[in-house]
Amino acid sequence: MGDLIGFLLVIPVLALIAVGFHYWLSNRILAIVIPTLVVPLLLPIIDYFTLGYIDPFTIIAVINVAILMLVISVLVSVFFKKHRQVKEQGL
């Protein structure tokens, strides 16, 4: 049950990060790639400061977070692209 709650908490945080990058960056590819690379690389740093060492299973978490961040960034990108097209057309 605890894993499910943790997973359900991670999804909105990743979505907010993706929305932030898409809001600040108008280039769609950069707005997908940058959070996909930055967020998983922050995980070992957070792990080190929290535990005092890097957990051996951190690499698995990094891969999982990278995949999740990529999927979420692409989904957010679709909505931002549609929003920017509507905004350019003046509708």
C-alpha atoms as a PDB file:
ATOM      1  CA  MET A   1       0.000   0.000   0.000  1.00  0.00           C
ATOM      2  CA  GLY A   2       2.867   2.380   0.796  1.00  0.00           C
ATOM      3  CA  ASP A   3       4.379   1.899  -2.645  1.00  0.00           C
ATOM      4  CA  LEU A   4       1.090   2.786  -4.301  1.00  0.00           C
ATOM      5  CA  ILE A   5       0.791   5.988  -2.282  1.00  0.00           C
ATOM      6  CA  GLY A   6       4.372   6.942  -3.148  1.00  0.00           C
ATOM      7  CA  PHE A   7       3.733   6.267  -6.827  1.00  0.00           C
ATOM      8  CA  LEU A   8       0.550   8.338  -6.783  1.00  0.00           C
ATOM      9  CA  LEU A   9       2.457  11.212  -5.164  1.00  0.00           C
ATOM     10  CA  VAL A  10       5.294  11.093  -7.699  1.00  0.00           C
ATOM     11  CA  ILE A  11       3.034  11.426 -10.751  1.00  0.00           C
ATOM     12  CA  PRO A  12       1.636  14.911  -9.887  1.00  0.00           C
ATOM     13  CA  VAL A  13       5.086  16.186  -8.904  1.00  0.00           C
ATOM     14  CA  LEU A  14       6.547  15.039 -12.224  1.00  0.00           C
ATOM     15  CA  ALA A  15       3.580  16.558 -14.057  1.00  0.00           C
ATOM     16  CA  LEU A  16       4.137  19.908 -12.331  1.00  0.00           C
ATOM     17  CA  ILE A  17       7.819  19.825 -13.254  1.00  0.00           C
ATOM     18  CA  ALA A  18       6.917  19.059 -16.878  1.00  0.00           C
ATOM     19  CA  VAL A  19       4.342  21.859 -16.942  1.00  0.00           C
ATOM     20  CA  GLY A  20       6.925  24.274 -15.550  1.00  0.00           C
ATOM     21  CA  PHE A  21       9.486  23.390 -18.201  1.00  0.00           C
ATOM     22  CA  HIS A  22       6.897  23.609 -20.973  1.00  0.00           C
ATOM     23  CA  TYR A  23       5.715  26.965 -19.675  1.00  0.00           C
ATOM     24  CA  TRP A  24       9.227  28.461 -19.625  1.00  0.00           C
ATOM     25  CA  LEU A  25      10.588  26.834 -22.774  1.00  0.00           C
ATOM     26  CA  SER A  26       8.815  27.390 -26.071  1.00  0.00           C
ATOM     27  CA  ASN A  27      10.945  24.765 -27.842  1.00  0.00           C
ATOM     28  CA  ARG A  28       8.971  21.537 -27.538  1.00  0.00           C
ATOM     29  CA  ILE A  29      11.942  19.158 -27.868  1.00  0.00           C
ATOM     30  CA  LEU A  30      13.967  20.954 -25.186  1.00  0.00           C
ATOM     31  CA  ALA A  31      10.942  21.034 -22.893  1.00  0.00           C
ATOM     32  CA  ILE A  32      10.739  17.247 -23.196  1.00  0.00           C
ATOM     33  CA  VAL A  33      14.454  16.396 -23.055  1.00  0.00           C
ATOM     34  CA  ILE A  34      15.650  18.700 -20.260  1.00  0.00           C
ATOM     35  CA  PRO A  35      13.302  17.476 -17.494  1.00  0.00           C
ATOM     36  CA  THR A  36      13.757  13.893 -18.703  1.00  0.00           C
ATOM     37  CA  LEU A  37      17.496  14.236 -18.066  1.00  0.00           C
ATOM     38  CA  VAL A  38      17.530  16.579 -15.056  1.00  0.00           C
ATOM     39  CA  VAL A  39      14.945  14.952 -12.776  1.00  0.00           C
ATOM     40  CA  PRO A  40      16.461  11.437 -12.793  1.00  0.00           C
ATOM     41  CA  LEU A  41      19.944  12.882 -12.225  1.00  0.00           C
ATOM     42  CA  LEU A  42      18.690  14.715  -9.133  1.00  0.00           C
ATOM     43  CA  LEU A  43      17.475  11.455  -7.612  1.00  0.00           C
ATOM     44  CA  PRO A  44      20.929  10.127  -6.574  1.00  0.00           C
ATOM     45  CA  ILE A  45      21.797  13.536  -5.129  1.00  0.00           C
ATOM     46  CA  ILE A  46      18.627  13.576  -3.048  1.00  0.00           C
ATOM     47  CA  ASP A  47      19.293   9.958  -2.097  1.00  0.00           C
ATOM     48  CA  TYR A  48      22.803  10.829  -0.937  1.00  0.00           C
ATOM     49  CA  PHE A  49      21.658  13.773   1.190  1.00  0.00           C
ATOM     50  CA  THR A  50      18.793  11.777   2.675  1.00  0.00           C
ATOM     51  CA  LEU A  51      20.575   8.491   3.444  1.00  0.00           C
ATOM     52  CA  GLY A  52      24.188   9.611   3.552  1.00  0.00           C
ATOM     53  CA  TYR A  53      25.084   7.157   0.796  1.00  0.00           C
ATOM     54  CA  ILE A  54      23.744   6.144  -2.600  1.00  0.00           C
ATOM     55  CA  ASP A  55      21.452   3.139  -2.380  1.00  0.00           C
ATOM     56  CA  PRO A  56      22.402   0.265  -4.716  1.00  0.00           C
ATOM     57  CA  PHE A  57      18.882   0.281  -6.152  1.00  0.00           C
ATOM     58  CA  THR A  58      19.030   3.960  -7.055  1.00  0.00           C
ATOM     59  CA  ILE A  59      19.907   3.106 -10.670  1.00  0.00           C
ATOM     60  CA  ILE A  60      16.606   1.235 -10.985  1.00  0.00           C
ATOM     61  CA  ALA A  61      14.754   4.248  -9.580  1.00  0.00           C
ATOM     62  CA  VAL A  62      16.626   6.560 -11.962  1.00  0.00           C
ATOM     63  CA  ILE A  63      15.597   4.452 -14.969  1.00  0.00           C
ATOM     64  CA  ASN A  64      11.980   4.287 -13.801  1.00  0.00           C
ATOM     65  CA  VAL A  65      11.795   8.025 -13.139  1.00  0.00           C
ATOM     66  CA  ALA A  66      13.388   8.778 -16.520  1.00  0.00           C
ATOM     67  CA  ILE A  67      10.769   6.680 -18.307  1.00  0.00           C
ATOM     68  CA  LEU A  68       7.936   8.239 -16.291  1.00  0.00           C
ATOM     69  CA  MET A  69       9.269  11.746 -16.851  1.00  0.00           C
ATOM     70  CA  LEU A  70       9.592  11.130 -20.580  1.00  0.00           C
ATOM     71  CA  VAL A  71       6.008   9.875 -20.871  1.00  0.00           C
ATOM     72  CA  ILE A  72       4.607  12.696 -18.746  1.00  0.00           C
ATOM     73  CA  SER A  73       6.643  15.330 -20.623  1.00  0.00           C
ATOM     74  CA  VAL A  74       5.368  14.067 -23.965  1.00  0.00           C
ATOM     75  CA  LEU A  75       1.761  14.115 -22.727  1.00  0.00           C
ATOM     76  CA  VAL A  76       2.147  17.632 -21.343  1.00  0.00           C
ATOM     77  CA  SER A  77       3.798  18.650 -24.604  1.00  0.00           C
ATOM     78  CA  VAL A  78       0.720  17.624 -26.568  1.00  0.00           C
ATOM     79  CA  PHE A  79      -1.503  19.866 -24.442  1.00  0.00           C
ATOM     80  CA  PHE A  80       0.903  22.803 -24.621  1.00  0.00           C
ATOM     81  CA  LYS A  81       1.254  22.458 -28.394  1.00  0.00           C
ATOM     82  CA  LYS A  82      -2.515  22.516 -28.796  1.00  0.00           C
ATOM     83  CA  HIS A  83      -2.803  25.499 -26.448  1.00  0.00           C
ATOM     84  CA  ARG A  84      -0.136  27.450 -28.336  1.00  0.00           C
ATOM     85  CA  GLN A  85      -1.765  26.691 -31.697  1.00  0.00           C
ATOM     86  CA  VAL A  86      -5.115  27.961 -30.448  1.00  0.00           C
ATOM     87  CA  LYS A  87      -3.420  31.035 -28.986  1.00  0.00           C
ATOM     88  CA  GLU A  88      -1.644  31.798 -32.299  1.00  0.00           C
ATOM     89  CA  GLN A  89      -4.897  31.504 -34.245  1.00  0.00           C
ATOM     90  CA  GLY A  90      -6.541  33.928 -31.861  1.00  0.00           C
ATOM     91  CA  LEU A  91      -9.407  31.651 -30.868  1.00  0.00           C
END
